[in-house]
Amino acid sequence: MLALTRKIGQSIMIGENIEITVVEVRGDQVKLAVQAPRAVPIYRKEIYEQIIEENLRAVEIPENVDLSNLIRLTQNEEK
């Protein structure tokens, strides 16, 4: 992990096209501005972790599902 010290108005660059600027420091909170291409998703870490958990739950297969029957049904729909 890289730890940097920055003052208000100072930035760091990630790669060539992501810039993070310190906008405000108030007590124990720091306000950051992120400038990045629209194609780059930006999430707070706790939200990102929730998305990952939801995605994992979405692909879980319940124990009572008959996979062989499900595969047959899927193959029949493709024909």
C-alpha atoms as a PDB file:
ATOM      1  CA  MET A   1       0.000   0.000   0.000  1.00  0.00           C
ATOM      2  CA  LEU A   2       1.262   3.459  -0.876  1.00  0.00           C
ATOM      3  CA  ALA A   3       0.532   6.172   1.709  1.00  0.00           C
ATOM      4  CA  LEU A   4       0.793   9.787   0.565  1.00  0.00           C
ATOM      5  CA  THR A   5       0.473  13.118   2.328  1.00  0.00           C
ATOM      6  CA  ARG A   6      -1.430  15.801   0.403  1.00  0.00           C
ATOM      7  CA  LYS A   7      -2.768  19.230   1.266  1.00  0.00           C
ATOM      8  CA  ILE A   8      -6.031  20.825   0.146  1.00  0.00           C
ATOM      9  CA  GLY A   9      -5.876  21.434  -3.591  1.00  0.00           C
ATOM     10  CA  GLN A  10      -3.134  18.869  -4.164  1.00  0.00           C
ATOM     11  CA  SER A  11      -3.709  15.775  -6.281  1.00  0.00           C
ATOM     12  CA  ILE A  12      -2.419  12.323  -7.056  1.00  0.00           C
ATOM     13  CA  MET A  13      -2.591  10.625 -10.435  1.00  0.00           C
ATOM     14  CA  ILE A  14      -3.512   6.993 -11.003  1.00  0.00           C
ATOM     15  CA  GLY A  15      -2.311   5.995 -14.426  1.00  0.00           C
ATOM     16  CA  GLU A  16      -2.646   8.660 -17.088  1.00  0.00           C
ATOM     17  CA  ASN A  17      -6.297   9.582 -16.729  1.00  0.00           C
ATOM     18  CA  ILE A  18      -7.468   9.329 -13.103  1.00  0.00           C
ATOM     19  CA  GLU A  19      -6.844  12.294 -10.823  1.00  0.00           C
ATOM     20  CA  ILE A  20      -7.759  12.421  -7.129  1.00  0.00           C
ATOM     21  CA  THR A  21      -7.732  15.850  -5.496  1.00  0.00           C
ATOM     22  CA  VAL A  22      -8.057  16.735  -1.804  1.00  0.00           C
ATOM     23  CA  VAL A  23     -10.940  19.230  -1.695  1.00  0.00           C
ATOM     24  CA  GLU A  24     -11.536  19.677   2.023  1.00  0.00           C
ATOM     25  CA  VAL A  25     -10.302  18.447   5.394  1.00  0.00           C
ATOM     26  CA  ARG A  26     -12.651  18.849   8.347  1.00  0.00           C
ATOM     27  CA  GLY A  27     -11.778  17.073  11.584  1.00  0.00           C
ATOM     28  CA  ASP A  28     -11.290  13.402  10.789  1.00  0.00           C
ATOM     29  CA  GLN A  29     -13.006  13.612   7.387  1.00  0.00           C
ATOM     30  CA  VAL A  30     -11.363  14.236   4.042  1.00  0.00           C
ATOM     31  CA  LYS A  31     -13.366  15.225   0.965  1.00  0.00           C
ATOM     32  CA  LEU A  32     -11.874  13.943  -2.288  1.00  0.00           C
ATOM     33  CA  ALA A  33     -12.710  14.785  -5.889  1.00  0.00           C
ATOM     34  CA  VAL A  34     -12.158  12.078  -8.492  1.00  0.00           C
ATOM     35  CA  GLN A  35     -11.742  12.916 -12.153  1.00  0.00           C
ATOM     36  CA  ALA A  36     -11.833   9.823 -14.355  1.00  0.00           C
ATOM     37  CA  PRO A  37     -13.253   8.678 -17.685  1.00  0.00           C
ATOM     38  CA  ARG A  38     -16.961   7.807 -17.569  1.00  0.00           C
ATOM     39  CA  ALA A  39     -16.125   4.192 -18.394  1.00  0.00           C
ATOM     40  CA  VAL A  40     -14.275   3.803 -15.076  1.00  0.00           C
ATOM     41  CA  PRO A  41     -16.685   2.794 -12.300  1.00  0.00           C
ATOM     42  CA  ILE A  42     -16.040   4.543  -8.981  1.00  0.00           C
ATOM     43  CA  TYR A  43     -17.577   3.234  -5.751  1.00  0.00           C
ATOM     44  CA  ARG A  44     -17.092   3.745  -2.040  1.00  0.00           C
ATOM     45  CA  LYS A  45     -15.487   0.535  -0.765  1.00  0.00           C
ATOM     46  CA  GLU A  46     -18.473  -0.514   1.369  1.00  0.00           C
ATOM     47  CA  ILE A  47     -20.783  -0.176  -1.659  1.00  0.00           C
ATOM     48  CA  TYR A  48     -18.342  -2.106  -3.859  1.00  0.00           C
ATOM     49  CA  GLU A  49     -18.262  -4.933  -1.308  1.00  0.00           C
ATOM     50  CA  GLN A  50     -22.088  -5.052  -1.281  1.00  0.00           C
ATOM     51  CA  ILE A  51     -22.127  -5.309  -5.080  1.00  0.00           C
ATOM     52  CA  ILE A  52     -19.653  -8.198  -4.964  1.00  0.00           C
ATOM     53  CA  GLU A  53     -21.747 -10.005  -2.312  1.00  0.00           C
ATOM     54  CA  GLU A  54     -24.936  -9.548  -4.351  1.00  0.00           C
ATOM     55  CA  ASN A  55     -23.227 -10.853  -7.486  1.00  0.00           C
ATOM     56  CA  LEU A  56     -21.999 -13.917  -5.610  1.00  0.00           C
ATOM     57  CA  ARG A  57     -25.487 -14.567  -4.228  1.00  0.00           C
ATOM     58  CA  ALA A  58     -26.951 -14.223  -7.713  1.00  0.00           C
ATOM     59  CA  VAL A  59     -24.845 -17.108  -9.031  1.00  0.00           C
ATOM     60  CA  GLU A  60     -25.410 -19.466  -6.098  1.00  0.00           C
ATOM     61  CA  ILE A  61     -27.307 -22.593  -7.054  1.00  0.00           C
ATOM     62  CA  PRO A  62     -29.810 -23.786  -4.455  1.00  0.00           C
ATOM     63  CA  GLU A  63     -29.256 -27.361  -3.243  1.00  0.00           C
ATOM     64  CA  ASN A  64     -32.680 -28.539  -4.374  1.00  0.00           C
ATOM     65  CA  VAL A  65     -32.164 -27.598  -8.055  1.00  0.00           C
ATOM     66  CA  ASP A  66     -31.857 -30.509 -10.482  1.00  0.00           C
ATOM     67  CA  LEU A  67     -29.001 -29.281 -12.669  1.00  0.00           C
ATOM     68  CA  SER A  68     -29.321 -32.017 -15.284  1.00  0.00           C
ATOM     69  CA  ASN A  69     -32.979 -31.093 -15.856  1.00  0.00           C
ATOM     70  CA  LEU A  70     -32.110 -27.392 -15.946  1.00  0.00           C
ATOM     71  CA  ILE A  71     -29.410 -28.019 -18.567  1.00  0.00           C
ATOM     72  CA  ARG A  72     -31.813 -30.056 -20.706  1.00  0.00           C
ATOM     73  CA  LEU A  73     -34.439 -27.298 -20.537  1.00  0.00           C
ATOM     74  CA  THR A  74     -31.881 -24.676 -21.513  1.00  0.00           C
ATOM     75  CA  GLN A  75     -30.653 -26.742 -24.456  1.00  0.00           C
ATOM     76  CA  ASN A  76     -34.232 -27.283 -25.673  1.00  0.00           C
ATOM     77  CA  GLU A  77     -34.893 -23.519 -25.567  1.00  0.00           C
ATOM     78  CA  GLU A  78     -31.836 -22.869 -27.738  1.00  0.00           C
ATOM     79  CA  LYS A  79     -33.119 -25.159 -30.523  1.00  0.00           C
END
